[in-house]
Amino acid sequence: MTSEVAALAVLLRKTQWLLDDVAYEVAAGRMDEIDLGQVAGVLEGVAKLLRSQGELPALATEDDEVESAKHGS
């Protein structure tokens, strides 16, 4: 395992822990105490990194899905 792959694995594990904590707080009714914008920013950064690593296609956005539905595709 290269150091780059190891760093990616660590980042993914930390992201998992972050999401576990967020889910716990939401379930406990403390969503207002979470900076959801910051959580979203972390997830966007991870997604960008994953796309650059594996040339993964971008997921369709909600707007793309709405447009597809309008055009019957």
Foldseek 3Di string as FASTA:
>chain_A
DDPVVVVLVVLVVVLVVVVVVQVVCVVVVNNVVDPVVVNVVSVVVNVVVVCVVPVDDDDDDPVNVVVCVVVVD
